[in-house]
Amino acid sequence: MEIFSKPGVAGIIEKNVNGIDYILIQDRYKDDAKSEAGLLEIPAGKIREFENIFDCLRREIWEETGLKVTYIKGENDSIIFEENNYKVLNYTPFSCSQNIQGTYPIMVQTFICMASGELLEKTNETKNIRWMTLTELDDLLKKTGDSFYPMHVIALRKYLKYKIESQ
């Protein structure tokens, strides 16, 4: 029996306060992934059948953090094409990662976004939801990269490089 990769989405939620850039980080605690408990991650989840990826990102961020997504980079450039009883969404994520070895097969498409609202203290999938400066993020990735959920590490490094180059 063939087993297929599951599609997923993740959000690098950014904010700027008094000229300091932050992103949202949380501790991973999922019932179906006990070996990953406590790893640092960004909000993410699986895409439901025929679910618009942007709607999925909004849903996952709401469920895991309590925040409402107000902006997704690239969403306004996406195109919906309808023909022959198909409705196809074409979009460009910030980063894509595929798990080719490990606990389960997943492909995660990561977007940069902004959100508003009050953070939850914890959910049934996450704990210690908090804002982290990009300096803190960079230091942690360099010193203790193994403390992060592996599916998000490259996207976060790519994001830090993107932020430096866009200044």
Protein backbone atom coordinates (compact mmCIF):
# COMPACT_ATOMS: atom_id res chain seq x y z
CA MET A 1 0.00 0.00 0.00
CA GLU A 2 1.32 3.40 -0.98
CA ILE A 3 1.57 6.09 1.68
CA PHE A 4 1.47 9.66 0.47
CA SER A 5 2.99 12.81 1.91
CA LYS A 6 0.56 15.06 3.77
CA PRO A 7 0.32 18.72 2.77
CA GLY A 8 0.84 21.25 5.52
CA VAL A 9 1.08 24.98 6.02
CA ALA A 10 3.02 27.12 8.49
CA GLY A 11 3.08 30.80 9.38
CA ILE A 12 5.97 33.02 10.32
CA ILE A 13 3.93 35.62 12.20
CA GLU A 14 5.84 38.85 12.44
CA LYS A 15 5.36 42.12 14.28
CA ASN A 16 7.42 45.22 14.93
CA VAL A 17 7.30 47.07 18.25
CA ASN A 18 9.33 50.27 18.69
CA GLY A 19 11.58 49.33 15.76
CA ILE A 20 12.26 45.79 17.03
CA ASP A 21 11.17 42.83 14.88
CA TYR A 22 9.58 39.79 16.53
CA ILE A 23 8.12 36.49 15.37
CA LEU A 24 5.82 34.15 17.22
CA ILE A 25 7.36 30.93 18.59
CA GLN A 26 5.70 28.15 20.57
CA ASP A 27 6.59 24.84 22.19
CA ARG A 28 5.28 21.82 20.29
CA TYR A 29 3.00 19.41 22.24
CA LYS A 30 0.98 17.18 19.92
CA ASP A 31 -0.61 13.95 21.11
CA ASP A 32 0.42 12.12 17.94
CA ALA A 33 4.07 13.26 18.17
CA LYS A 34 5.21 12.72 21.75
CA SER A 35 8.89 12.42 20.74
CA GLU A 36 8.77 16.04 19.49
CA ALA A 37 7.30 17.47 22.70
CA GLY A 38 8.92 20.74 23.72
CA LEU A 39 10.58 21.49 20.39
CA LEU A 40 10.31 25.12 19.32
CA GLU A 41 8.10 25.72 16.29
CA ILE A 42 5.99 28.19 14.39
CA PRO A 43 2.22 27.64 14.08
CA ALA A 44 1.47 24.98 11.47
CA GLY A 45 -0.92 22.23 10.53
CA LYS A 46 -2.33 19.98 7.87
CA ILE A 47 -4.47 21.17 4.98
CA ARG A 48 -7.96 19.65 4.83
CA GLU A 49 -9.29 18.18 1.60
CA PHE A 50 -10.07 21.02 -0.87
CA GLU A 51 -9.29 23.67 1.77
CA ASN A 52 -7.86 26.92 0.41
CA ILE A 53 -4.29 27.11 1.80
CA PHE A 54 -4.80 30.68 3.03
CA ASP A 55 -7.97 29.65 4.90
CA CYS A 56 -6.02 26.74 6.38
CA LEU A 57 -3.26 29.05 7.58
CA ARG A 58 -5.82 31.34 9.22
CA ARG A 59 -7.54 28.36 10.88
CA GLU A 60 -4.33 26.78 12.17
CA ILE A 61 -3.01 30.05 13.57
CA TRP A 62 -6.34 30.74 15.28
CA GLU A 63 -6.51 27.22 16.76
CA GLU A 64 -2.90 27.21 18.00
CA THR A 65 -2.46 30.82 19.14
CA GLY A 66 -5.83 32.59 19.39
CA LEU A 67 -4.61 35.22 16.90
CA LYS A 68 -6.54 36.37 13.84
CA VAL A 69 -4.43 36.59 10.67
CA THR A 70 -4.65 40.08 9.17
CA TYR A 71 -2.15 39.72 6.30
CA ILE A 72 -0.47 36.89 4.37
CA LYS A 73 2.42 37.86 2.09
CA GLY A 74 1.62 36.74 -1.45
CA GLU A 75 -2.09 36.14 -0.94
CA ASN A 76 -3.07 39.17 -3.03
CA ASP A 77 -0.93 37.82 -5.90
CA SER A 78 -2.59 34.40 -5.87
CA ILE A 79 -4.81 33.40 -8.78
CA ILE A 80 -7.86 31.16 -8.90
CA PHE A 81 -8.46 29.38 -12.20
CA GLU A 82 -11.74 27.59 -12.95
CA GLU A 83 -12.18 25.21 -15.86
CA ASN A 84 -13.66 21.74 -16.55
CA ASN A 85 -15.19 21.47 -13.05
CA TYR A 86 -11.84 22.29 -11.40
CA LYS A 87 -11.06 25.26 -9.22
CA VAL A 88 -7.30 25.70 -8.90
CA LEU A 89 -5.49 28.11 -6.56
CA ASN A 90 -2.05 29.17 -7.73
CA TYR A 91 0.18 30.85 -5.14
CA THR A 92 3.78 31.32 -4.10
CA PRO A 93 4.76 30.49 -0.51
CA PHE A 94 7.80 32.01 1.18
CA SER A 95 9.42 28.61 1.70
CA CYS A 96 8.68 24.91 1.15
CA SER A 97 10.06 21.94 3.09
CA GLN A 98 9.58 18.22 2.58
CA ASN A 99 10.23 15.59 5.23
CA ILE A 100 12.02 12.80 3.33
CA GLN A 101 12.95 10.79 6.43
CA GLY A 102 11.62 10.72 9.95
CA THR A 103 8.40 10.09 11.85
CA TYR A 104 5.89 10.88 9.11
CA PRO A 105 5.82 12.16 5.52
CA ILE A 106 4.77 15.81 5.31
CA MET A 107 5.36 18.79 3.02
CA VAL A 108 5.08 22.22 4.66
CA GLN A 109 4.54 25.45 2.75
CA THR A 110 5.49 28.43 4.91
CA PHE A 111 4.10 31.95 4.58
CA ILE A 112 5.04 35.25 6.21
CA CYS A 113 2.03 36.85 7.85
CA MET A 114 0.76 39.29 10.46
CA ALA A 115 -1.93 38.73 13.07
CA SER A 116 -3.76 40.51 15.85
CA GLY A 117 -5.45 39.59 19.10
CA GLU A 118 -4.50 38.11 22.45
CA LEU A 119 -2.28 35.04 22.69
CA LEU A 120 -3.67 31.91 24.29
CA GLU A 121 -1.69 30.53 27.23
CA LYS A 122 -1.67 27.04 25.71
CA THR A 123 -3.72 24.75 23.46
CA ASN A 124 -4.02 21.00 23.08
CA GLU A 125 -1.06 21.20 20.64
CA THR A 126 1.13 23.99 21.99
CA LYS A 127 2.47 25.61 25.14
CA ASN A 128 4.50 28.71 25.96
CA ILE A 129 3.28 30.74 22.98
CA ARG A 130 5.40 33.90 22.85
CA TRP A 131 7.03 36.62 20.80
CA MET A 132 10.77 36.32 20.20
CA THR A 133 13.09 38.96 18.77
CA LEU A 134 14.94 38.07 15.58
CA THR A 135 18.22 38.42 17.50
CA GLU A 136 17.04 35.83 20.04
CA LEU A 137 15.84 33.58 17.22
CA ASP A 138 19.17 33.84 15.40
CA ASP A 139 21.12 33.06 18.58
CA LEU A 140 18.96 30.03 19.37
CA LEU A 141 19.18 28.65 15.84
CA LYS A 142 22.98 28.98 15.90
CA LYS A 143 23.51 27.58 19.41
CA THR A 144 20.74 25.01 19.78
CA GLY A 145 19.29 24.28 16.35
CA ASP A 146 18.27 20.84 17.59
CA SER A 147 15.77 22.47 19.97
CA PHE A 148 13.59 23.37 16.96
CA TYR A 149 11.09 21.22 15.08
CA PRO A 150 13.19 20.20 12.02
CA MET A 151 10.50 21.07 9.46
CA HIS A 152 10.79 24.77 10.36
CA VAL A 153 14.55 25.28 10.78
CA ILE A 154 15.46 26.06 7.15
CA ALA A 155 12.42 28.32 6.69
CA LEU A 156 13.41 30.28 9.81
CA ARG A 157 17.03 30.61 8.67
CA LYS A 158 15.79 31.72 5.24
CA TYR A 159 13.51 34.26 6.94
CA LEU A 160 16.38 35.74 8.98
CA LYS A 161 18.46 36.11 5.80
CA TYR A 162 15.48 37.68 4.00
CA LYS A 163 15.03 40.23 6.81
CA ILE A 164 18.71 41.21 6.72
CA GLU A 165 18.70 41.58 2.94
CA SER A 166 15.47 43.63 2.91
CA GLN A 167 16.85 46.29 5.30
